[in-house]
Amino acid sequence: MPTDIEQIQLIRSQTFAVIAEITAIPKPTYYIDGQSVSWTSYLAQLRETVDWCDRQLTDAGPYEILSSGRS
């Protein structure tokens, strides 16, 4: 079973694939049966997902704390 980090990396990778797909052939916003389909909003949501993944991966990764002392 994949770890949480591996799952986040997979979500990030899949989201980038969808972004590449929908930006290759951009589509207009349209209305059907009273519902609006906004590709701009969808793209923004996908970018937010990538940002969330990046934050999770950064928080989970090793980090270094720098400090200095006074004498």
N, C-alpha and C. Protein backbone atom coordinates (compact mmCIF):
# COMPACT_ATOMS: atom_id res chain seq x y z
N MET A 1 0.85 -1.18 0.00
CA MET A 1 0.00 0.00 0.00
C MET A 1 0.89 1.24 0.00
N PRO A 2 0.56 2.21 -0.86
CA PRO A 2 1.40 3.41 -0.92
C PRO A 2 1.31 4.25 0.36
N THR A 3 2.39 4.92 0.65
CA THR A 3 2.42 5.82 1.81
C THR A 3 1.64 7.09 1.49
N ASP A 4 1.37 7.88 2.51
CA ASP A 4 0.68 9.16 2.30
C ASP A 4 1.45 10.04 1.32
N ILE A 5 2.75 10.07 1.47
CA ILE A 5 3.60 10.90 0.58
C ILE A 5 3.48 10.41 -0.86
N GLU A 6 3.53 9.12 -1.05
CA GLU A 6 3.40 8.56 -2.40
C GLU A 6 2.03 8.88 -3.01
N GLN A 7 0.99 8.85 -2.18
CA GLN A 7 -0.35 9.18 -2.67
C GLN A 7 -0.44 10.65 -3.07
N ILE A 8 0.16 11.52 -2.27
CA ILE A 8 0.16 12.94 -2.60
C ILE A 8 0.94 13.19 -3.89
N GLN A 9 2.07 12.51 -4.04
CA GLN A 9 2.85 12.64 -5.27
C GLN A 9 2.04 12.15 -6.47
N LEU A 10 1.28 11.08 -6.30
CA LEU A 10 0.45 10.55 -7.38
C LEU A 10 -0.66 11.54 -7.74
N ILE A 11 -1.32 12.11 -6.73
CA ILE A 11 -2.37 13.10 -6.97
C ILE A 11 -1.80 14.28 -7.73
N ARG A 12 -0.62 14.74 -7.32
CA ARG A 12 0.04 15.87 -7.98
C ARG A 12 0.33 15.54 -9.44
N SER A 13 0.87 14.36 -9.68
CA SER A 13 1.20 13.94 -11.03
C SER A 13 -0.05 13.82 -11.91
N GLN A 14 -1.10 13.22 -11.38
CA GLN A 14 -2.35 13.08 -12.13
C GLN A 14 -2.97 14.45 -12.42
N THR A 15 -2.87 15.36 -11.47
CA THR A 15 -3.43 16.69 -11.67
C THR A 15 -2.68 17.43 -12.77
N PHE A 16 -1.35 17.29 -12.79
CA PHE A 16 -0.58 17.91 -13.87
C PHE A 16 -0.97 17.32 -15.23
N ALA A 17 -1.26 16.03 -15.27
CA ALA A 17 -1.67 15.40 -16.53
C ALA A 17 -3.00 15.99 -17.01
N VAL A 18 -3.93 16.21 -16.09
CA VAL A 18 -5.22 16.81 -16.47
C VAL A 18 -5.01 18.25 -16.94
N ILE A 19 -4.15 18.99 -16.24
CA ILE A 19 -3.86 20.38 -16.65
C ILE A 19 -3.29 20.40 -18.07
N ALA A 20 -2.36 19.50 -18.34
CA ALA A 20 -1.77 19.43 -19.68
C ALA A 20 -2.84 19.11 -20.73
N GLU A 21 -3.73 18.22 -20.39
CA GLU A 21 -4.79 17.81 -21.32
C GLU A 21 -5.75 18.96 -21.63
N ILE A 22 -6.22 19.67 -20.59
CA ILE A 22 -7.23 20.70 -20.84
C ILE A 22 -6.63 22.00 -21.38
N THR A 23 -5.33 22.19 -21.21
CA THR A 23 -4.72 23.40 -21.79
C THR A 23 -4.22 23.16 -23.21
N ALA A 24 -4.10 21.90 -23.61
CA ALA A 24 -3.67 21.61 -24.97
C ALA A 24 -4.72 22.07 -25.99
N ILE A 25 -5.98 21.86 -25.63
CA ILE A 25 -7.09 22.29 -26.48
C ILE A 25 -8.08 23.03 -25.59
N PRO A 26 -7.85 24.32 -25.38
CA PRO A 26 -8.74 25.08 -24.48
C PRO A 26 -10.19 25.09 -24.97
N LYS A 27 -11.09 25.07 -24.00
CA LYS A 27 -12.51 25.07 -24.31
C LYS A 27 -13.15 26.30 -23.67
N PRO A 28 -14.20 26.80 -24.29
CA PRO A 28 -14.88 27.98 -23.71
C PRO A 28 -15.81 27.57 -22.57
N THR A 29 -16.17 28.55 -21.77
CA THR A 29 -17.21 28.34 -20.77
C THR A 29 -18.54 28.21 -21.51
N TYR A 30 -19.39 27.28 -21.06
CA TYR A 30 -20.68 27.12 -21.72
C TYR A 30 -21.75 26.75 -20.70
N TYR A 31 -22.97 26.83 -21.13
CA TYR A 31 -24.13 26.52 -20.28
C TYR A 31 -24.90 25.39 -20.93
N ILE A 32 -25.30 24.42 -20.12
CA ILE A 32 -26.10 23.32 -20.61
C ILE A 32 -27.11 22.93 -19.53
N ASP A 33 -28.35 22.88 -19.91
CA ASP A 33 -29.44 22.54 -18.98
C ASP A 33 -29.39 23.38 -17.71
N GLY A 34 -29.11 24.67 -17.86
CA GLY A 34 -29.08 25.58 -16.73
C GLY A 34 -27.82 25.52 -15.88
N GLN A 35 -26.86 24.68 -16.27
CA GLN A 35 -25.61 24.58 -15.54
C GLN A 35 -24.49 25.21 -16.32
N SER A 36 -23.61 25.89 -15.61
CA SER A 36 -22.45 26.52 -16.23
C SER A 36 -21.24 25.60 -16.10
N VAL A 37 -20.51 25.45 -17.17
CA VAL A 37 -19.25 24.69 -17.16
C VAL A 37 -18.15 25.70 -17.47
N SER A 38 -17.37 26.02 -16.45
CA SER A 38 -16.31 27.02 -16.60
C SER A 38 -14.95 26.34 -16.56
N TRP A 39 -14.30 26.30 -17.69
CA TRP A 39 -12.98 25.67 -17.77
C TRP A 39 -11.94 26.50 -17.03
N THR A 40 -12.13 27.81 -16.97
CA THR A 40 -11.21 28.67 -16.24
C THR A 40 -11.25 28.34 -14.75
N SER A 41 -12.45 28.16 -14.22
CA SER A 41 -12.60 27.79 -12.80
C SER A 41 -12.02 26.40 -12.53
N TYR A 42 -12.27 25.49 -13.45
CA TYR A 42 -11.75 24.14 -13.30
C TYR A 42 -10.22 24.15 -13.27
N LEU A 43 -9.62 24.91 -14.17
CA LEU A 43 -8.16 25.03 -14.20
C LEU A 43 -7.64 25.63 -12.90
N ALA A 44 -8.32 26.63 -12.39
CA ALA A 44 -7.91 27.25 -11.11
C ALA A 44 -7.98 26.22 -9.98
N GLN A 45 -9.02 25.39 -9.97
CA GLN A 45 -9.13 24.35 -8.95
C GLN A 45 -8.00 23.34 -9.05
N LEU A 46 -7.65 23.00 -10.27
CA LEU A 46 -6.55 22.05 -10.47
C LEU A 46 -5.23 22.64 -9.98
N ARG A 47 -5.02 23.91 -10.26
CA ARG A 47 -3.80 24.58 -9.78
C ARG A 47 -3.76 24.65 -8.26
N GLU A 48 -4.92 24.86 -7.64
CA GLU A 48 -4.99 24.85 -6.17
C GLU A 48 -4.65 23.46 -5.62
N THR A 49 -5.06 22.43 -6.32
CA THR A 49 -4.74 21.07 -5.90
C THR A 49 -3.24 20.84 -5.95
N VAL A 50 -2.59 21.31 -7.01
CA VAL A 50 -1.13 21.18 -7.12
C VAL A 50 -0.46 21.96 -5.99
N ASP A 51 -0.94 23.16 -5.72
CA ASP A 51 -0.37 23.96 -4.63
C ASP A 51 -0.52 23.25 -3.29
N TRP A 52 -1.69 22.65 -3.05
CA TRP A 52 -1.93 21.91 -1.81
C TRP A 52 -0.95 20.74 -1.70
N CYS A 53 -0.78 20.01 -2.79
CA CYS A 53 0.16 18.89 -2.80
C CYS A 53 1.58 19.38 -2.50
N ASP A 54 1.97 20.47 -3.12
CA ASP A 54 3.31 21.01 -2.88
C ASP A 54 3.50 21.37 -1.41
N ARG A 55 2.48 21.99 -0.79
CA ARG A 55 2.58 22.35 0.63
C ARG A 55 2.69 21.10 1.50
N GLN A 56 1.90 20.08 1.18
CA GLN A 56 1.95 18.84 1.96
C GLN A 56 3.31 18.17 1.84
N LEU A 57 3.85 18.16 0.64
CA LEU A 57 5.16 17.53 0.42
C LEU A 57 6.27 18.31 1.10
N THR A 58 6.15 19.63 1.08
CA THR A 58 7.15 20.47 1.75
C THR A 58 7.10 20.26 3.25
N ASP A 59 5.90 20.23 3.81
CA ASP A 59 5.74 20.05 5.26
C ASP A 59 6.22 18.68 5.71
N ALA A 60 6.08 17.68 4.87
CA ALA A 60 6.44 16.32 5.24
C ALA A 60 7.92 16.03 5.04
N GLY A 61 8.57 16.83 4.21
CA GLY A 61 9.96 16.56 3.88
C GLY A 61 10.92 16.97 4.99
N PRO A 62 12.13 16.53 4.86
CA PRO A 62 13.13 16.95 5.84
C PRO A 62 13.38 18.45 5.73
N TYR A 63 13.65 19.05 6.84
CA TYR A 63 13.93 20.48 6.83
C TYR A 63 15.02 20.78 7.83
N GLU A 64 15.56 21.96 7.72
CA GLU A 64 16.68 22.36 8.54
C GLU A 64 16.30 23.63 9.29
N ILE A 65 16.65 23.67 10.57
CA ILE A 65 16.38 24.86 11.37
C ILE A 65 17.71 25.55 11.61
N LEU A 66 17.80 26.79 11.20
CA LEU A 66 19.01 27.58 11.41
C LEU A 66 18.81 28.47 12.63
N SER A 67 19.80 28.51 13.47
CA SER A 67 19.73 29.41 14.61
C SER A 67 21.12 29.97 14.88
N SER A 68 21.14 31.04 15.60
CA SER A 68 22.43 31.62 15.97
C SER A 68 22.35 32.05 17.43
N GLY A 69 23.46 32.02 18.07
CA GLY A 69 23.51 32.40 19.48
C GLY A 69 24.38 33.63 19.67
N ARG A 70 24.24 34.23 20.79
CA ARG A 70 25.06 35.40 21.13
C ARG A 70 25.96 35.03 22.30
N SER A 71 27.15 35.58 22.25
CA SER A 71 28.04 35.33 23.37
C SER A 71 28.20 36.55 24.24
